[in-house]
N, C-alpha and C. Protein backbone atom coordinates (compact mmCIF):
# COMPACT_ATOMS: atom_id res chain seq x y z
N MET A 1 32.99 -32.81 -39.31
CA MET A 1 32.43 -32.86 -37.29
C MET A 1 34.09 -32.49 -36.54
N LYS A 2 34.62 -33.62 -37.42
CA LYS A 2 35.85 -33.84 -36.35
C LYS A 2 36.97 -31.84 -36.85
N LEU A 3 36.33 -32.02 -37.75
CA LEU A 3 37.48 -30.75 -38.72
C LEU A 3 37.37 -29.59 -37.92
N MET A 4 35.68 -29.39 -37.55
CA MET A 4 35.36 -28.53 -37.42
C MET A 4 35.85 -28.23 -35.66
N ILE A 5 36.00 -29.07 -34.86
CA ILE A 5 36.22 -29.52 -33.63
C ILE A 5 37.72 -29.25 -33.60
N ALA A 6 38.33 -29.86 -34.85
CA ALA A 6 39.80 -29.96 -34.79
C ALA A 6 40.16 -28.08 -34.80
N GLU A 7 40.12 -27.45 -35.58
CA GLU A 7 39.57 -26.10 -36.10
C GLU A 7 39.25 -24.90 -34.56
N ASP A 8 38.37 -25.54 -34.05
CA ASP A 8 37.92 -24.67 -33.06
C ASP A 8 38.93 -24.67 -32.03
N ALA A 9 39.39 -25.96 -31.75
CA ALA A 9 40.52 -26.16 -30.71
C ALA A 9 42.26 -25.26 -31.35
N ALA A 10 42.49 -25.23 -32.27
CA ALA A 10 43.34 -24.81 -33.08
C ALA A 10 43.81 -22.94 -32.64
N GLU A 11 41.83 -22.57 -33.38
CA GLU A 11 41.51 -21.41 -33.06
C GLU A 11 42.08 -21.13 -31.46
N ALA A 12 41.61 -21.77 -30.54
CA ALA A 12 41.40 -21.13 -29.41
C ALA A 12 43.00 -21.39 -28.48
N ARG A 13 43.73 -22.45 -29.19
CA ARG A 13 45.63 -22.04 -28.90
C ARG A 13 45.45 -20.77 -29.12
N ARG A 14 45.50 -20.68 -30.72
CA ARG A 14 46.09 -19.22 -31.35
C ARG A 14 46.08 -18.39 -30.91
N LYS A 15 44.00 -18.20 -30.13
CA LYS A 15 44.24 -17.29 -29.31
C LYS A 15 44.65 -17.08 -28.22
N ARG A 16 45.11 -18.11 -27.01
CA ARG A 16 45.83 -18.48 -26.07
C ARG A 16 46.81 -17.56 -25.72
N GLU A 17 47.54 -18.18 -27.47
CA GLU A 17 49.09 -17.78 -27.21
C GLU A 17 49.25 -16.00 -27.57
N ARG A 18 48.45 -15.95 -28.28
CA ARG A 18 48.41 -14.38 -28.67
C ARG A 18 48.33 -13.93 -27.37
N ALA A 19 47.37 -14.15 -26.55
CA ALA A 19 47.02 -13.30 -25.11
C ALA A 19 47.83 -13.93 -24.34
N GLU A 20 48.76 -14.95 -24.67
CA GLU A 20 49.70 -14.96 -23.78
C GLU A 20 51.40 -14.12 -24.16
N GLU A 21 51.92 -14.49 -25.30
CA GLU A 21 52.53 -13.15 -26.03
C GLU A 21 52.14 -11.86 -25.76
N TRP A 22 50.80 -10.99 -25.95
CA TRP A 22 50.19 -10.05 -25.36
C TRP A 22 51.00 -9.91 -23.81
N GLU A 23 50.80 -10.81 -22.86
CA GLU A 23 50.89 -10.21 -21.70
C GLU A 23 51.99 -10.46 -21.16
N ARG A 24 53.16 -11.18 -21.95
CA ARG A 24 54.93 -11.39 -21.54
C ARG A 24 55.04 -9.58 -21.85
N TYR A 25 54.33 -9.15 -23.39
CA TYR A 25 54.96 -7.77 -23.77
C TYR A 25 54.79 -6.70 -22.67
N GLU A 26 53.38 -7.20 -22.07
CA GLU A 26 53.12 -5.91 -21.31
C GLU A 26 54.06 -5.86 -20.30
N ARG A 27 54.27 -7.52 -19.75
CA ARG A 27 55.00 -6.80 -18.38
C ARG A 27 56.77 -6.80 -18.41
N ARG A 28 57.26 -7.24 -19.83
CA ARG A 28 58.32 -6.54 -20.26
C ARG A 28 58.11 -5.28 -20.33
N GLU A 29 57.49 -4.02 -20.98
CA GLU A 29 56.69 -3.05 -20.70
C GLU A 29 56.86 -1.65 -19.31
N ASP A 30 55.99 -3.04 -18.86
CA ASP A 30 56.06 -2.47 -17.44
C ASP A 30 57.57 -2.38 -16.57
N ALA A 31 57.85 -3.41 -16.48
CA ALA A 31 59.63 -3.32 -16.13
C ALA A 31 60.36 -2.49 -16.99
N ARG A 32 60.37 -1.96 -18.24
CA ARG A 32 60.75 -1.16 -18.46
C ARG A 32 61.12 0.10 -18.30
N LYS A 33 59.43 0.52 -17.88
CA LYS A 33 59.12 1.50 -17.25
C LYS A 33 59.47 1.97 -15.82
N VAL A 34 59.08 1.07 -15.31
CA VAL A 34 59.56 1.21 -13.87
C VAL A 34 60.99 0.99 -13.91
N ALA A 35 62.15 0.62 -14.15
CA ALA A 35 63.46 0.29 -14.26
C ALA A 35 63.65 2.43 -15.23
N GLN A 36 62.88 2.87 -16.31
CA GLN A 36 62.81 4.62 -16.32
C GLN A 36 62.84 5.38 -14.95
N ALA A 37 61.35 4.93 -14.48
CA ALA A 37 61.24 5.56 -13.16
C ALA A 37 62.03 5.70 -12.38
N LEU A 38 63.41 4.58 -12.18
CA LEU A 38 63.83 4.36 -11.23
C LEU A 38 64.97 5.03 -11.46
N SER A 39 65.66 5.33 -12.44
CA SER A 39 66.68 5.82 -13.64
C SER A 39 66.40 7.08 -13.32
N ASP A 40 65.48 7.84 -13.42
CA ASP A 40 65.00 9.56 -13.78
C ASP A 40 64.45 10.14 -12.39
N SER A 41 63.71 9.25 -11.64
CA SER A 41 64.69 9.66 -9.57
C SER A 41 65.74 9.79 -9.50
N ARG A 42 66.20 8.78 -9.77
CA ARG A 42 67.75 9.10 -9.10
C ARG A 42 68.40 9.84 -9.70
N GLN A 43 68.46 10.09 -11.33
CA GLN A 43 68.93 11.62 -11.92
C GLN A 43 68.70 12.74 -11.29
N GLN A 44 66.68 12.82 -10.53
CA GLN A 44 66.28 14.24 -10.43
C GLN A 44 67.13 14.38 -9.05
N LEU A 45 66.99 13.19 -8.22
CA LEU A 45 67.34 13.38 -6.90
C LEU A 45 68.85 13.81 -6.87
N ALA A 46 70.11 13.35 -7.66
CA ALA A 46 71.20 14.23 -7.50
C ALA A 46 70.81 15.47 -8.21
N GLU A 47 70.36 15.70 -9.15
CA GLU A 47 70.41 17.55 -9.80
C GLU A 47 69.75 18.25 -8.59
N THR A 48 69.16 17.70 -7.61
CA THR A 48 68.51 18.23 -6.44
C THR A 48 69.61 18.39 -5.76
N ILE A 49 70.43 17.42 -4.86
CA ILE A 49 71.44 17.29 -4.17
C ILE A 49 72.10 18.18 -4.61
N GLU A 50 72.59 18.86 -6.06
CA GLU A 50 73.44 19.27 -6.90
C GLU A 50 72.75 20.89 -6.51
N LYS A 51 71.99 21.42 -6.80
CA LYS A 51 71.12 22.75 -6.88
C LYS A 51 71.73 22.84 -5.17
N TRP A 52 70.76 21.99 -4.10
CA TRP A 52 70.94 22.78 -2.86
C TRP A 52 72.48 22.67 -2.68
N ALA A 53 73.12 21.96 -3.26
CA ALA A 53 74.72 22.68 -2.97
C ALA A 53 75.14 24.08 -2.83
N LYS A 54 74.77 24.29 -4.33
CA LYS A 54 75.04 25.49 -4.89
C LYS A 54 74.06 26.67 -4.27
N ALA A 55 72.85 26.17 -3.68
CA ALA A 55 72.62 27.56 -2.76
C ALA A 55 73.03 27.58 -1.65
N MET A 56 73.48 26.21 -1.00
CA MET A 56 73.85 27.01 0.51
C MET A 56 74.94 26.98 0.27
N ALA A 57 76.60 27.45 -0.94
CA ALA A 57 77.33 28.17 -1.37
C ALA A 57 76.41 29.88 -0.70
N VAL A 58 75.67 30.04 -2.19
CA VAL A 58 75.21 30.79 -1.45
C VAL A 58 75.06 31.45 -0.51
N GLU A 59 74.22 30.98 0.32
CA GLU A 59 73.85 31.34 1.57
C GLU A 59 75.08 31.70 2.71
N ARG A 60 76.40 30.54 2.03
CA ARG A 60 77.55 31.25 3.27
C ARG A 60 78.13 32.28 2.42
N PHE A 61 77.53 32.77 1.03
CA PHE A 61 78.04 34.26 0.78
C PHE A 61 77.19 35.10 1.64
N PHE A 62 76.35 34.82 1.31
CA PHE A 62 75.25 35.74 2.00
C PHE A 62 75.82 36.17 3.84
N ALA A 63 75.60 35.24 4.43
CA ALA A 63 76.44 35.45 6.05
C ALA A 63 77.64 35.67 6.00
N ASP A 64 78.50 35.47 5.16
CA ASP A 64 80.26 36.13 5.23
C ASP A 64 79.64 37.61 5.05
N ALA A 65 78.68 38.01 3.94
CA ALA A 65 78.54 39.94 3.74
C ALA A 65 77.78 39.99 5.08
N GLU A 66 76.50 40.04 5.66
CA GLU A 66 75.79 39.85 6.69
C GLU A 66 77.41 40.10 7.84
N GLU A 67 78.22 38.95 8.24
CA GLU A 67 78.87 39.77 8.64
C GLU A 67 79.84 40.14 8.74
N ARG A 68 80.47 40.69 7.63
CA ARG A 68 81.28 41.80 7.36
C ARG A 68 80.85 43.38 7.42
N LEU A 69 79.18 43.17 7.51
CA LEU A 69 78.53 44.75 7.75
C LEU A 69 78.84 44.76 8.73
N ASN A 70 79.47 44.19 9.64
CA ASN A 70 79.66 44.73 11.21
C ASN A 70 80.39 45.72 11.42
N ASN A 71 81.45 45.50 9.89
CA ASN A 71 83.13 46.62 10.64
C ASN A 71 82.98 47.58 9.82
N LEU A 72 81.20 48.21 8.72
CA LEU A 72 81.29 49.10 8.53
C LEU A 72 80.84 50.30 8.91
N ASP A 73 80.91 51.54 8.13
CA ASP A 73 80.13 52.59 9.54
C ASP A 73 78.76 52.25 8.57
N ASN A 74 77.89 53.12 9.23
CA ASN A 74 76.47 53.38 9.08
C ASN A 74 76.06 53.73 8.25
N GLU A 75 75.79 54.17 7.23
CA GLU A 75 76.05 54.43 6.24
C GLU A 75 75.68 53.60 4.85
N ARG A 76 77.09 53.26 5.20
CA ARG A 76 77.25 52.06 3.85
C ARG A 76 76.57 51.04 4.61
N ARG A 77 76.89 50.50 5.72
CA ARG A 77 76.05 49.02 6.19
C ARG A 77 74.20 49.15 6.23
N GLN A 78 74.17 51.15 5.85
CA GLN A 78 71.96 50.67 5.62
C GLN A 78 72.22 50.44 4.16
N ARG A 79 72.94 50.90 3.47
CA ARG A 79 73.05 50.55 2.22
C ARG A 79 73.05 49.59 1.65
N LEU A 80 73.88 48.92 2.06
CA LEU A 80 74.56 47.18 1.65
C LEU A 80 73.69 46.08 2.61
N GLU A 81 72.98 46.52 3.47
CA GLU A 81 71.53 45.85 4.42
C GLU A 81 71.01 45.50 3.17
N GLU A 82 70.11 46.72 2.62
CA GLU A 82 69.07 47.03 1.73
C GLU A 82 69.57 45.87 0.62
N ARG A 83 70.91 46.63 0.46
CA ARG A 83 70.90 45.61 -0.87
C ARG A 83 71.13 44.17 -1.25
N LEU A 84 71.84 43.15 0.17
CA LEU A 84 72.26 41.88 0.53
C LEU A 84 70.52 41.83 0.39
N GLU A 85 69.72 42.20 1.31
CA GLU A 85 68.43 41.80 1.54
C GLU A 85 67.19 41.70 0.26
N LEU A 86 67.58 42.85 -0.97
CA LEU A 86 67.48 42.60 -2.11
C LEU A 86 68.41 41.40 -2.99
N ALA A 87 69.00 41.16 -2.59
CA ALA A 87 69.73 39.82 -2.97
C ALA A 87 69.09 38.83 -2.84
N ARG A 88 69.36 38.72 -1.66
CA ARG A 88 69.08 37.39 -0.97
C ARG A 88 67.15 36.64 -1.90
N ALA A 89 66.21 37.84 -1.25
CA ALA A 89 65.25 37.61 -1.39
C ALA A 89 64.96 37.30 -3.22
N MET A 90 65.81 37.95 -3.99
CA MET A 90 66.28 37.61 -5.59
C MET A 90 66.58 35.21 -6.04
N MET A 91 67.40 35.01 -4.92
CA MET A 91 67.53 34.15 -4.69
C MET A 91 66.66 33.21 -4.52
N GLY A 92 65.61 33.35 -3.80
CA GLY A 92 64.41 32.06 -3.36
C GLY A 92 64.94 31.34 -2.57
N SER A 93 64.58 29.86 -2.38
CA SER A 93 64.54 29.41 -0.75
C SER A 93 65.94 28.48 -1.17
N ILE A 94 66.32 28.46 0.35
CA ILE A 94 67.37 27.10 0.17
C ILE A 94 66.98 26.34 0.97
N ASP A 95 66.12 26.12 1.40
CA ASP A 95 65.51 25.62 2.80
C ASP A 95 65.42 23.85 1.96
N PRO A 96 66.27 22.52 2.33
CA PRO A 96 66.44 21.90 2.01
C PRO A 96 65.01 20.81 1.53
N MET A 97 63.87 21.01 2.54
CA MET A 97 62.45 20.57 2.15
C MET A 97 61.94 21.22 1.39
N ASP A 98 62.42 22.13 0.62
CA ASP A 98 62.09 22.48 0.04
C ASP A 98 61.97 21.96 -1.77
N PHE A 99 63.20 21.75 -1.72
CA PHE A 99 64.49 20.84 -3.07
C PHE A 99 63.87 19.28 -3.20
N ILE A 100 63.28 19.09 -1.48
CA ILE A 100 62.80 17.61 -1.67
C ILE A 100 61.62 17.48 -2.23
N GLU A 101 60.59 18.47 -1.65
CA GLU A 101 59.06 18.10 -1.91
C GLU A 101 59.10 18.10 -3.63
N ASN A 102 60.35 18.74 -4.87
CA ASN A 102 60.11 18.94 -5.54
C ASN A 102 60.39 17.93 -6.40
N TRP A 103 61.29 16.84 -5.77
CA TRP A 103 61.50 15.54 -6.19
C TRP A 103 60.32 14.83 -5.85
N GLN A 104 60.46 13.76 -7.79
CA GLN A 104 59.43 12.70 -7.88
C GLN A 104 60.23 11.06 -7.46
N ALA A 105 59.69 10.59 -6.65
CA ALA A 105 60.29 9.27 -6.00
C ALA A 105 59.51 8.29 -6.94
N PRO A 106 60.51 7.67 -7.54
CA PRO A 106 60.12 6.23 -8.95
C PRO A 106 58.07 6.03 -8.70
N ASP A 107 58.15 6.12 -7.99
CA ASP A 107 56.14 5.20 -7.65
C ASP A 107 55.55 6.43 -8.13
N GLU A 108 56.16 7.65 -7.97
CA GLU A 108 55.01 8.61 -8.22
C GLU A 108 55.31 9.25 -10.05
N ARG A 109 56.43 8.57 -10.32
CA ARG A 109 56.63 8.65 -11.21
C ARG A 109 55.80 7.42 -12.55
N TYR A 110 56.07 5.71 -11.61
CA TYR A 110 55.41 4.70 -12.70
C TYR A 110 55.14 3.63 -11.21
N ARG A 111 53.87 3.53 -11.95
CA ARG A 111 53.56 2.45 -10.60
C ARG A 111 53.24 0.93 -11.72
N SER A 112 54.02 0.08 -10.83
CA SER A 112 53.99 -1.36 -12.11
C SER A 112 52.60 -1.81 -11.61
N LYS A 113 51.86 -2.20 -12.34
CA LYS A 113 50.81 -2.99 -12.47
C LYS A 113 50.94 -4.28 -11.95
N TYR A 114 51.61 -5.00 -12.23
CA TYR A 114 51.96 -6.82 -11.74
C TYR A 114 52.80 -6.39 -10.19
N ARG A 115 52.94 -5.07 -9.89
CA ARG A 115 54.10 -5.22 -8.50
C ARG A 115 53.28 -6.16 -7.36
N GLU A 116 53.97 -6.36 -6.82
CA GLU A 116 53.39 -7.44 -5.28
C GLU A 116 52.94 -6.82 -4.41
N VAL A 117 51.66 -6.61 -4.24
CA VAL A 117 51.44 -6.30 -2.61
C VAL A 117 51.68 -6.45 -1.34
């Protein structure tokens, strides 16, 4: 009888230890995923800013080209206005809100199961 009680207690202890070890593993894994989400988010934000900076350089190009149109004769100006319009349409949006809208914040990538609310 005492042996059965001791075995039951030992089994309960092993079960509790396995559960505690699993909990520690899940918390470590959760912390790793939180850190990875933060890192990925920072990287994407840096890339977003870089893309926007390039878009602004393109915008400056178009603004300068449009300003120079004023010094051209009518026929050439009309032809180049059409080409500028087509070129600008091909480049897409340069609105920073469009860029930031596509960025994923860390919590959008992974939300911790253990985070304090």
